[in-house]
């Protein structure tokens, strides 16, 4: 990721627990930031391959 921007995000405790549950289900536990990026990409329907084509 070379073109990034830092954001500050307040997340409800319940949502953070769901994110942590997702993380623990992965073969290699990702950082919270990586998990959130993954979930956003999945939700928005964009993958790294699709964004690199633009």
N, C-alpha and C. Protein backbone atom coordinates (compact mmCIF):
# COMPACT_ATOMS: atom_id res chain seq x y z
N UNK A 1 0.84 -1.18 0.00
CA UNK A 1 0.00 0.00 0.00
C UNK A 1 0.88 1.24 0.00
N UNK A 2 0.96 1.89 -1.10
CA UNK A 2 1.80 3.07 -1.16
C UNK A 2 0.99 4.35 -1.09
N UNK A 3 -0.24 4.32 -1.58
CA UNK A 3 -1.08 5.51 -1.57
C UNK A 3 -2.14 5.35 -0.50
N UNK A 4 -1.78 5.65 0.75
CA UNK A 4 -2.69 5.45 1.86
C UNK A 4 -2.92 6.74 2.62
N UNK A 5 -3.97 6.75 3.40
CA UNK A 5 -4.27 7.88 4.26
C UNK A 5 -4.70 7.33 5.61
N UNK A 6 -4.18 7.91 6.66
CA UNK A 6 -4.50 7.46 8.01
C UNK A 6 -5.84 8.06 8.43
N UNK A 7 -6.69 7.23 9.04
CA UNK A 7 -7.96 7.72 9.57
C UNK A 7 -8.09 7.29 11.02
N UNK A 8 -8.84 8.06 11.78
CA UNK A 8 -9.16 7.71 13.15
C UNK A 8 -10.63 7.34 13.16
N UNK A 9 -10.94 6.20 13.74
CA UNK A 9 -12.29 5.66 13.67
C UNK A 9 -12.72 5.16 15.04
N UNK A 10 -13.85 5.66 15.51
CA UNK A 10 -14.44 5.14 16.75
C UNK A 10 -15.37 4.00 16.38
N UNK A 11 -15.16 2.86 17.02
CA UNK A 11 -15.95 1.67 16.73
C UNK A 11 -16.62 1.21 18.02
N UNK A 12 -17.93 0.94 17.96
CA UNK A 12 -18.60 0.43 19.15
C UNK A 12 -17.95 -0.87 19.63
N UNK A 13 -17.94 -1.07 20.94
CA UNK A 13 -17.29 -2.23 21.54
C UNK A 13 -17.82 -3.54 20.93
N UNK A 14 -19.13 -3.62 20.70
CA UNK A 14 -19.72 -4.84 20.13
C UNK A 14 -19.16 -5.14 18.73
N UNK A 15 -18.98 -4.10 17.93
CA UNK A 15 -18.42 -4.29 16.58
C UNK A 15 -16.96 -4.72 16.67
N UNK A 16 -16.22 -4.14 17.59
CA UNK A 16 -14.82 -4.50 17.77
C UNK A 16 -14.71 -5.97 18.19
N UNK A 17 -15.62 -6.43 19.03
CA UNK A 17 -15.63 -7.84 19.42
C UNK A 17 -15.90 -8.73 18.22
N UNK A 18 -16.78 -8.31 17.32
CA UNK A 18 -17.07 -9.08 16.10
C UNK A 18 -15.85 -9.12 15.19
N UNK A 19 -15.14 -8.01 15.11
CA UNK A 19 -13.91 -7.96 14.31
C UNK A 19 -12.87 -8.91 14.90
N UNK A 20 -12.73 -8.88 16.21
CA UNK A 20 -11.77 -9.78 16.87
C UNK A 20 -12.17 -11.25 16.69
N UNK A 21 -13.47 -11.54 16.70
CA UNK A 21 -13.94 -12.90 16.44
C UNK A 21 -13.53 -13.33 15.03
N UNK A 22 -13.71 -12.44 14.06
CA UNK A 22 -13.30 -12.70 12.68
C UNK A 22 -11.79 -12.99 12.63
N UNK A 23 -11.01 -12.16 13.31
CA UNK A 23 -9.55 -12.32 13.31
C UNK A 23 -9.15 -13.70 13.82
N UNK A 24 -9.77 -14.13 14.93
CA UNK A 24 -9.40 -15.41 15.54
C UNK A 24 -9.76 -16.61 14.67
N UNK A 25 -10.69 -16.42 13.74
CA UNK A 25 -11.09 -17.52 12.85
C UNK A 25 -10.12 -17.70 11.68
N UNK A 26 -9.22 -16.75 11.48
CA UNK A 26 -8.27 -16.83 10.38
C UNK A 26 -7.12 -17.75 10.73
N UNK A 27 -6.55 -18.39 9.70
CA UNK A 27 -5.43 -19.30 9.92
C UNK A 27 -4.26 -18.58 10.58
N UNK A 28 -3.94 -17.40 10.07
CA UNK A 28 -2.93 -16.52 10.66
C UNK A 28 -3.68 -15.27 11.11
N UNK A 29 -3.63 -14.98 12.40
CA UNK A 29 -4.42 -13.87 12.93
C UNK A 29 -3.87 -12.54 12.41
N UNK A 30 -4.71 -11.81 11.64
CA UNK A 30 -4.26 -10.51 11.13
C UNK A 30 -4.36 -9.43 12.21
N UNK A 31 -3.67 -8.33 11.98
CA UNK A 31 -3.83 -7.19 12.88
C UNK A 31 -5.27 -6.68 12.75
N UNK A 32 -5.69 -5.89 13.70
CA UNK A 32 -7.03 -5.31 13.59
C UNK A 32 -7.15 -4.47 12.33
N UNK A 33 -6.12 -3.68 12.05
CA UNK A 33 -6.16 -2.82 10.85
C UNK A 33 -6.30 -3.67 9.59
N UNK A 34 -5.53 -4.74 9.49
CA UNK A 34 -5.60 -5.61 8.30
C UNK A 34 -6.97 -6.28 8.20
N UNK A 35 -7.52 -6.70 9.34
CA UNK A 35 -8.84 -7.32 9.34
C UNK A 35 -9.91 -6.33 8.88
N UNK A 36 -9.83 -5.12 9.37
CA UNK A 36 -10.80 -4.09 8.98
C UNK A 36 -10.69 -3.79 7.50
N UNK A 37 -9.45 -3.67 6.98
CA UNK A 37 -9.27 -3.44 5.53
C UNK A 37 -9.87 -4.60 4.73
N UNK A 38 -9.61 -5.83 5.17
CA UNK A 38 -10.14 -7.01 4.47
C UNK A 38 -11.66 -6.97 4.45
N UNK A 39 -12.26 -6.72 5.60
CA UNK A 39 -13.72 -6.70 5.70
C UNK A 39 -14.32 -5.57 4.86
N UNK A 40 -13.66 -4.42 4.82
CA UNK A 40 -14.14 -3.32 3.98
C UNK A 40 -14.06 -3.68 2.50
N UNK A 41 -12.93 -4.26 2.09
CA UNK A 41 -12.77 -4.66 0.69
C UNK A 41 -13.85 -5.68 0.31
N UNK A 42 -14.08 -6.64 1.19
CA UNK A 42 -15.10 -7.66 0.93
C UNK A 42 -16.49 -7.04 0.85
N UNK A 43 -16.80 -6.15 1.75
CA UNK A 43 -18.11 -5.50 1.79
C UNK A 43 -18.33 -4.59 0.59
N UNK A 44 -17.30 -3.87 0.19
CA UNK A 44 -17.43 -2.93 -0.92
C UNK A 44 -17.29 -3.61 -2.28
N UNK A 45 -16.89 -4.87 -2.27
CA UNK A 45 -16.76 -5.60 -3.52
C UNK A 45 -15.52 -5.24 -4.29
N UNK A 46 -14.52 -4.73 -3.61
CA UNK A 46 -13.26 -4.40 -4.28
C UNK A 46 -12.16 -5.28 -3.73
N UNK A 47 -11.39 -5.82 -4.63
CA UNK A 47 -10.23 -6.60 -4.21
C UNK A 47 -8.99 -5.84 -4.60
N UNK A 48 -7.85 -6.28 -4.12
CA UNK A 48 -6.59 -5.63 -4.49
C UNK A 48 -6.37 -5.68 -5.99
N UNK A 49 -6.77 -6.78 -6.63
CA UNK A 49 -6.60 -6.91 -8.07
C UNK A 49 -7.46 -5.87 -8.80
N UNK A 50 -8.72 -5.67 -8.35
CA UNK A 50 -9.61 -4.73 -9.01
C UNK A 50 -9.12 -3.30 -8.84
N UNK A 51 -8.62 -2.95 -7.65
CA UNK A 51 -8.19 -1.58 -7.41
C UNK A 51 -6.88 -1.28 -8.15
N UNK A 52 -6.07 -2.29 -8.41
CA UNK A 52 -4.81 -2.04 -9.10
C UNK A 52 -5.04 -1.83 -10.60
N UNK A 53 -6.20 -2.22 -11.12
CA UNK A 53 -6.51 -2.03 -12.53
C UNK A 53 -6.88 -0.59 -12.86
N UNK A 54 -7.24 0.18 -11.87
CA UNK A 54 -7.71 1.56 -12.09
C UNK A 54 -6.57 2.50 -12.39
